């Protein structure tokens, strides 16, 4: 059965039960007739629901998957460690370079993204101009 993912293709899941998966914040009022999951991870953290909001509506979700240790006292919260490596073998040599990864925060007025623009003039909206 296809989990409802509200357009988040990386959450395209087939499960043996009805489920909806909300990323960062609720995409709709959770349906009480299906298993509701809040995936409270991602960067920049300003795009996620504030901890106080998660606490207020925690009972609306059957499971909260979070990278925020301040929520682990909730009965329905589990911890997800952020970060991983797809590298199977380290490179033979390393060299200094500067790169910018795509992020949902590109174009936002968050301090880190403003700093990227200062360090790399012309970097705007996820592309070099």
N, C-alpha and C. Protein backbone atom coordinates (compact mmCIF):
# COMPACT_ATOMS: atom_id res chain seq x y z
N UNK A 1 0.85 -1.18 0.00
CA UNK A 1 0.00 0.00 0.00
C UNK A 1 0.90 1.24 0.00
N UNK A 2 0.62 2.19 -0.86
CA UNK A 2 1.40 3.41 -0.99
C UNK A 2 1.14 4.34 0.19
N UNK A 3 2.22 4.74 0.87
CA UNK A 3 2.09 5.71 1.96
C UNK A 3 1.85 7.09 1.35
N UNK A 4 0.98 7.86 1.94
CA UNK A 4 0.76 9.23 1.49
C UNK A 4 1.95 10.05 1.93
N UNK A 5 2.63 10.72 0.98
CA UNK A 5 3.84 11.45 1.32
C UNK A 5 3.78 12.94 0.98
N UNK A 6 2.64 13.42 0.54
CA UNK A 6 2.42 14.84 0.28
C UNK A 6 3.43 15.43 -0.70
N UNK A 7 3.80 14.65 -1.71
CA UNK A 7 4.69 15.14 -2.75
C UNK A 7 6.18 15.00 -2.46
N UNK A 8 6.56 14.43 -1.32
CA UNK A 8 7.97 14.23 -0.99
C UNK A 8 8.40 12.89 -1.57
N UNK A 9 8.96 12.91 -2.77
CA UNK A 9 9.25 11.66 -3.48
C UNK A 9 10.27 10.78 -2.76
N UNK A 10 11.15 11.36 -1.97
CA UNK A 10 12.13 10.53 -1.25
C UNK A 10 11.46 9.73 -0.13
N UNK A 11 10.20 10.06 0.16
CA UNK A 11 9.42 9.29 1.14
C UNK A 11 8.41 8.39 0.44
N UNK A 12 8.75 7.97 -0.76
CA UNK A 12 7.88 7.10 -1.54
C UNK A 12 7.99 5.68 -0.99
N UNK A 13 7.06 5.32 -0.12
CA UNK A 13 7.14 4.06 0.62
C UNK A 13 5.94 3.17 0.32
N UNK A 14 6.20 1.89 0.23
CA UNK A 14 5.16 0.88 0.16
C UNK A 14 5.11 0.19 1.52
N UNK A 15 3.97 0.23 2.16
CA UNK A 15 3.82 -0.35 3.49
C UNK A 15 2.63 -1.30 3.52
N UNK A 16 2.62 -2.24 4.45
CA UNK A 16 1.50 -3.19 4.51
C UNK A 16 0.28 -2.65 5.28
N UNK A 17 0.26 -1.35 5.53
CA UNK A 17 -0.85 -0.74 6.26
C UNK A 17 -1.01 0.71 5.78
N UNK A 18 -2.18 1.31 5.95
CA UNK A 18 -2.37 2.71 5.55
C UNK A 18 -1.52 3.64 6.41
N UNK A 19 -0.81 4.55 5.77
CA UNK A 19 0.11 5.43 6.48
C UNK A 19 0.24 6.76 5.75
N UNK A 20 0.47 7.81 6.51
CA UNK A 20 0.84 9.10 5.93
C UNK A 20 2.10 9.59 6.62
N UNK A 21 3.03 10.14 5.81
CA UNK A 21 4.33 10.58 6.32
C UNK A 21 4.46 12.07 6.06
N UNK A 22 4.61 12.83 7.13
CA UNK A 22 4.74 14.29 7.06
C UNK A 22 6.20 14.65 7.28
N UNK A 23 6.79 15.42 6.37
CA UNK A 23 8.19 15.80 6.52
C UNK A 23 8.31 17.21 7.08
N UNK A 24 9.05 17.35 8.18
CA UNK A 24 9.37 18.61 8.86
C UNK A 24 8.21 19.23 9.64
N UNK A 25 7.01 19.18 9.09
CA UNK A 25 5.82 19.73 9.74
C UNK A 25 4.60 19.07 9.11
N UNK A 26 3.43 19.13 9.75
CA UNK A 26 2.25 18.50 9.17
C UNK A 26 1.87 19.13 7.84
N UNK A 27 1.62 18.30 6.85
CA UNK A 27 1.20 18.78 5.53
C UNK A 27 -0.31 18.88 5.45
N UNK A 28 -0.97 18.31 6.43
CA UNK A 28 -2.43 18.35 6.55
C UNK A 28 -2.73 17.89 7.98
N UNK A 29 -3.97 17.99 8.39
CA UNK A 29 -4.34 17.45 9.71
C UNK A 29 -4.19 15.94 9.61
N UNK A 30 -3.39 15.33 10.49
CA UNK A 30 -3.21 13.87 10.42
C UNK A 30 -4.54 13.13 10.50
N UNK A 31 -4.68 12.17 9.62
CA UNK A 31 -5.89 11.35 9.54
C UNK A 31 -5.85 10.32 10.66
N UNK A 32 -6.77 10.36 11.62
CA UNK A 32 -6.73 9.41 12.75
C UNK A 32 -7.00 7.96 12.35
N UNK A 33 -7.46 7.73 11.11
CA UNK A 33 -7.75 6.35 10.70
C UNK A 33 -6.53 5.67 10.07
N UNK A 34 -5.44 6.39 9.90
CA UNK A 34 -4.22 5.80 9.34
C UNK A 34 -3.05 6.06 10.29
N UNK A 35 -1.97 5.32 10.10
CA UNK A 35 -0.76 5.49 10.91
C UNK A 35 -0.07 6.78 10.45
N UNK A 36 0.06 7.74 11.34
CA UNK A 36 0.62 9.05 11.00
C UNK A 36 2.04 9.18 11.55
N UNK A 37 2.98 9.56 10.67
CA UNK A 37 4.38 9.70 11.04
C UNK A 37 4.84 11.12 10.75
N UNK A 38 5.52 11.73 11.70
CA UNK A 38 6.17 13.02 11.50
C UNK A 38 7.66 12.76 11.42
N UNK A 39 8.28 13.07 10.28
CA UNK A 39 9.72 12.96 10.12
C UNK A 39 10.28 14.35 10.38
N UNK A 40 10.74 14.56 11.61
CA UNK A 40 11.18 15.87 12.08
C UNK A 40 12.70 15.96 11.99
N UNK A 41 13.20 15.93 10.76
CA UNK A 41 14.63 16.03 10.50
C UNK A 41 14.82 16.96 9.31
N UNK A 42 16.03 17.40 9.10
CA UNK A 42 16.33 18.22 7.94
C UNK A 42 17.04 19.50 8.31
N UNK A 43 17.67 20.07 7.34
CA UNK A 43 18.39 21.32 7.50
C UNK A 43 17.98 22.25 6.37
N UNK A 44 17.94 23.52 6.60
CA UNK A 44 18.18 24.20 7.87
C UNK A 44 17.03 23.95 8.83
N UNK A 45 17.33 23.98 10.10
CA UNK A 45 16.33 23.64 11.10
C UNK A 45 15.16 24.63 11.11
N UNK A 46 15.36 25.83 10.57
CA UNK A 46 14.27 26.80 10.51
C UNK A 46 13.12 26.33 9.63
N UNK A 47 13.36 25.34 8.78
CA UNK A 47 12.30 24.81 7.93
C UNK A 47 11.45 23.77 8.65
N UNK A 48 11.91 23.32 9.81
CA UNK A 48 11.17 22.32 10.59
C UNK A 48 10.24 23.01 11.57
N UNK A 49 9.27 22.26 12.01
CA UNK A 49 8.39 22.70 13.07
C UNK A 49 9.20 22.94 14.33
N UNK A 50 8.90 23.99 15.05
CA UNK A 50 9.56 24.29 16.31
C UNK A 50 9.25 23.19 17.34
N UNK A 51 10.18 22.96 18.25
CA UNK A 51 10.02 21.92 19.27
C UNK A 51 8.72 22.11 20.05
N UNK A 52 8.38 23.34 20.38
CA UNK A 52 7.14 23.60 21.14
C UNK A 52 5.91 23.16 20.34
N UNK A 53 5.92 23.40 19.02
CA UNK A 53 4.80 22.98 18.18
C UNK A 53 4.70 21.46 18.11
N UNK A 54 5.85 20.80 17.99
CA UNK A 54 5.84 19.33 17.96
C UNK A 54 5.24 18.81 19.26
N UNK A 55 5.65 19.37 20.38
CA UNK A 55 5.12 18.94 21.68
C UNK A 55 3.60 19.15 21.75
N UNK A 56 3.14 20.28 21.26
CA UNK A 56 1.71 20.60 21.33
C UNK A 56 0.87 19.57 20.56
N UNK A 57 1.36 19.14 19.40
CA UNK A 57 0.59 18.26 18.53
C UNK A 57 1.11 16.83 18.46
N UNK A 58 1.99 16.46 19.37
CA UNK A 58 2.62 15.13 19.35
C UNK A 58 1.58 14.00 19.37
N UNK A 59 0.51 14.18 20.08
CA UNK A 59 -0.51 13.13 20.18
C UNK A 59 -1.23 12.88 18.85
N UNK A 60 -1.09 13.78 17.89
CA UNK A 60 -1.71 13.59 16.58
C UNK A 60 -0.96 12.58 15.72
N UNK A 61 0.25 12.21 16.15
CA UNK A 61 1.10 11.30 15.38
C UNK A 61 1.33 10.01 16.14
N UNK A 62 1.36 8.92 15.40
CA UNK A 62 1.67 7.62 16.00
C UNK A 62 3.18 7.49 16.23
N UNK A 63 3.96 8.13 15.37
CA UNK A 63 5.42 8.05 15.45
C UNK A 63 6.02 9.38 15.05
N UNK A 64 7.01 9.83 15.82
CA UNK A 64 7.78 11.02 15.49
C UNK A 64 9.23 10.58 15.37
N UNK A 65 9.78 10.71 14.17
CA UNK A 65 11.18 10.38 13.92
C UNK A 65 11.92 11.71 13.93
N UNK A 66 12.85 11.89 14.86
CA UNK A 66 13.46 13.20 15.05
C UNK A 66 14.97 13.12 15.25
N UNK A 67 15.63 14.19 14.87
CA UNK A 67 17.06 14.32 15.15
C UNK A 67 17.28 15.31 16.31
N UNK A 68 16.20 15.74 16.92
CA UNK A 68 16.27 16.71 18.02
C UNK A 68 16.13 16.00 19.36
N UNK A 69 17.21 15.96 20.12
CA UNK A 69 17.22 15.23 21.39
C UNK A 69 16.23 15.81 22.40
N UNK A 70 15.81 17.05 22.21
CA UNK A 70 14.86 17.66 23.14
C UNK A 70 13.47 17.04 23.06
N UNK A 71 13.23 16.22 22.04
CA UNK A 71 11.91 15.59 21.88
C UNK A 71 11.89 14.13 22.29
N UNK A 72 13.01 13.61 22.72
CA UNK A 72 13.09 12.17 22.99
C UNK A 72 12.35 11.73 24.24
N UNK A 73 11.88 12.66 25.03
CA UNK A 73 11.07 12.28 26.19
C UNK A 73 9.62 11.98 25.79
N UNK A 74 9.24 12.31 24.56
CA UNK A 74 7.89 11.99 24.09
C UNK A 74 7.77 10.48 23.87
N UNK A 75 6.67 9.91 24.28
CA UNK A 75 6.47 8.46 24.20
C UNK A 75 6.51 7.94 22.76
N UNK A 76 6.12 8.76 21.80
CA UNK A 76 6.05 8.31 20.41
C UNK A 76 7.24 8.79 19.57
N UNK A 77 8.31 9.28 20.20
CA UNK A 77 9.47 9.79 19.47
C UNK A 77 10.61 8.79 19.47
N UNK A 78 11.28 8.69 18.31
CA UNK A 78 12.49 7.88 18.18
C UNK A 78 13.57 8.76 17.55
N UNK A 79 14.81 8.45 17.86
CA UNK A 79 15.94 9.26 17.42
C UNK A 79 16.48 8.77 16.08
N UNK A 80 16.74 9.70 15.19
CA UNK A 80 17.36 9.41 13.91
C UNK A 80 18.65 10.21 13.83
N UNK A 81 19.77 9.54 13.71
CA UNK A 81 21.05 10.22 13.59
C UNK A 81 21.17 10.72 12.16
N UNK A 82 21.43 12.00 12.01
CA UNK A 82 21.59 12.58 10.68
C UNK A 82 22.99 12.31 10.15
N UNK A 83 23.08 12.19 8.87
CA UNK A 83 24.38 12.06 8.22
C UNK A 83 24.68 10.62 7.85
N UNK A 84 25.39 10.49 6.76
CA UNK A 84 25.76 9.18 6.27
C UNK A 84 26.79 9.39 5.19
N UNK A 85 27.39 8.35 4.76
CA UNK A 85 28.36 8.43 3.68
C UNK A 85 28.05 7.37 2.65
N UNK A 86 28.06 7.77 1.39
CA UNK A 86 27.85 6.82 0.32
C UNK A 86 29.18 6.35 -0.25
N UNK A 87 30.28 6.83 0.33
CA UNK A 87 31.60 6.48 -0.16
C UNK A 87 31.96 5.08 0.34
N UNK A 88 32.31 4.20 -0.58
CA UNK A 88 32.69 2.84 -0.19
C UNK A 88 34.18 2.75 0.10
N UNK A 89 34.94 3.65 -0.53
CA UNK A 89 36.38 3.66 -0.33
C UNK A 89 36.85 5.11 -0.32
N UNK A 90 37.73 5.50 0.62
CA UNK A 90 38.18 6.90 0.64
C UNK A 90 39.01 7.22 -0.60
N UNK A 91 39.03 8.49 -1.01
CA UNK A 91 39.82 8.86 -2.19
C UNK A 91 41.31 8.66 -1.94
N UNK A 92 42.06 8.44 -3.02
CA UNK A 92 43.50 8.24 -2.91
C UNK A 92 44.19 9.48 -2.36
N UNK A 93 43.70 10.66 -2.74
CA UNK A 93 44.25 11.91 -2.19
C UNK A 93 43.13 12.92 -2.06
N UNK A 94 43.34 13.86 -1.20
CA UNK A 94 42.34 14.90 -0.98
C UNK A 94 42.92 16.23 -1.42
N UNK A 95 42.08 17.10 -1.90
CA UNK A 95 42.52 18.44 -2.24
C UNK A 95 41.51 19.43 -1.70
N UNK A 96 41.97 20.64 -1.42
CA UNK A 96 41.07 21.65 -0.90
C UNK A 96 40.14 22.12 -2.01
N UNK A 97 38.88 22.23 -1.70
CA UNK A 97 37.92 22.81 -2.64
C UNK A 97 36.74 23.34 -1.86
N UNK A 98 35.98 24.18 -2.49
CA UNK A 98 34.81 24.77 -1.88
C UNK A 98 33.61 24.41 -2.75
N UNK A 99 32.58 23.88 -2.14
CA UNK A 99 31.40 23.53 -2.92
C UNK A 99 30.15 23.91 -2.14
N UNK A 100 29.08 24.03 -2.85
CA UNK A 100 27.79 24.33 -2.24
C UNK A 100 26.82 23.25 -2.66
N UNK A 101 26.24 22.60 -1.68
CA UNK A 101 25.25 21.57 -1.95
C UNK A 101 23.88 22.21 -2.04
N UNK A 102 23.01 21.61 -2.82
CA UNK A 102 21.64 22.09 -2.89
C UNK A 102 20.96 21.86 -1.55
N UNK A 103 20.14 22.78 -1.14
CA UNK A 103 19.42 22.66 0.11
C UNK A 103 18.07 23.34 -0.04
N UNK A 104 17.15 22.91 0.77
CA UNK A 104 15.83 23.53 0.76
C UNK A 104 15.88 24.98 1.21
N UNK A 105 16.96 25.38 1.87
CA UNK A 105 17.07 26.74 2.37
C UNK A 105 17.65 27.74 1.38
N UNK A 106 18.04 27.28 0.20
CA UNK A 106 18.63 28.20 -0.79
C UNK A 106 17.64 29.32 -1.09
N UNK A 107 18.13 30.53 -1.06
CA UNK A 107 17.29 31.69 -1.33
C UNK A 107 16.63 32.24 -0.08
N UNK A 108 16.70 31.51 1.03
CA UNK A 108 16.12 31.99 2.29
C UNK A 108 17.10 32.95 2.97
N UNK A 109 16.61 33.73 3.88
CA UNK A 109 17.45 34.72 4.56
C UNK A 109 18.09 34.15 5.82
N UNK A 110 18.39 32.85 5.84
CA UNK A 110 19.04 32.25 6.99
C UNK A 110 20.51 32.64 6.99
N UNK A 111 21.13 32.83 8.15
CA UNK A 111 22.52 33.31 8.22
C UNK A 111 23.51 32.50 7.38
N UNK A 112 23.42 31.19 7.40
CA UNK A 112 24.37 30.38 6.65
C UNK A 112 24.28 30.59 5.15
N UNK A 113 23.08 30.82 4.65
CA UNK A 113 22.90 31.03 3.23
C UNK A 113 23.33 32.44 2.83
N UNK A 114 23.16 33.39 3.72
CA UNK A 114 23.65 34.74 3.47
C UNK A 114 25.17 34.72 3.39
N UNK A 115 25.80 33.96 4.30
CA UNK A 115 27.26 33.84 4.30
C UNK A 115 27.76 33.20 3.01
N UNK A 116 27.04 32.23 2.48
CA UNK A 116 27.43 31.62 1.22
C UNK A 116 27.47 32.66 0.11
N UNK A 117 26.50 33.55 0.10
CA UNK A 117 26.47 34.60 -0.91
C UNK A 117 27.64 35.55 -0.79
N UNK A 118 28.07 35.82 0.45
CA UNK A 118 29.21 36.70 0.68
C UNK A 118 30.49 36.02 0.20
N UNK A 119 30.63 34.74 0.50
CA UNK A 119 31.83 34.00 0.12
C UNK A 119 31.88 33.63 -1.35
N UNK A 120 30.75 33.52 -1.97
CA UNK A 120 30.71 33.13 -3.38
C UNK A 120 29.73 34.06 -4.09
N UNK A 121 30.17 35.28 -4.44
CA UNK A 121 29.26 36.21 -5.13
C UNK A 121 28.68 35.56 -6.38
N UNK A 122 27.44 35.82 -6.62
CA UNK A 122 26.77 35.26 -7.78
C UNK A 122 26.03 33.98 -7.48
N UNK A 123 26.21 33.42 -6.26
CA UNK A 123 25.51 32.20 -5.91
C UNK A 123 24.11 32.58 -5.46
N UNK A 124 23.13 32.14 -6.19
CA UNK A 124 21.77 32.57 -5.90
C UNK A 124 20.79 31.49 -6.31
N UNK A 125 19.90 31.13 -5.45
CA UNK A 125 18.83 30.20 -5.78
C UNK A 125 19.30 28.83 -6.22
N UNK A 126 20.44 28.37 -5.72
CA UNK A 126 20.91 27.03 -6.02
C UNK A 126 21.70 26.92 -7.31
N UNK A 127 22.04 28.05 -7.92
CA UNK A 127 22.83 27.99 -9.14
C UNK A 127 23.78 29.19 -9.17
N UNK A 128 24.83 29.05 -9.91
CA UNK A 128 25.76 30.17 -10.09
C UNK A 128 25.25 31.05 -11.21
N UNK A 129 25.25 32.35 -10.97
CA UNK A 129 24.79 33.29 -12.02
C UNK A 129 25.93 34.18 -12.44
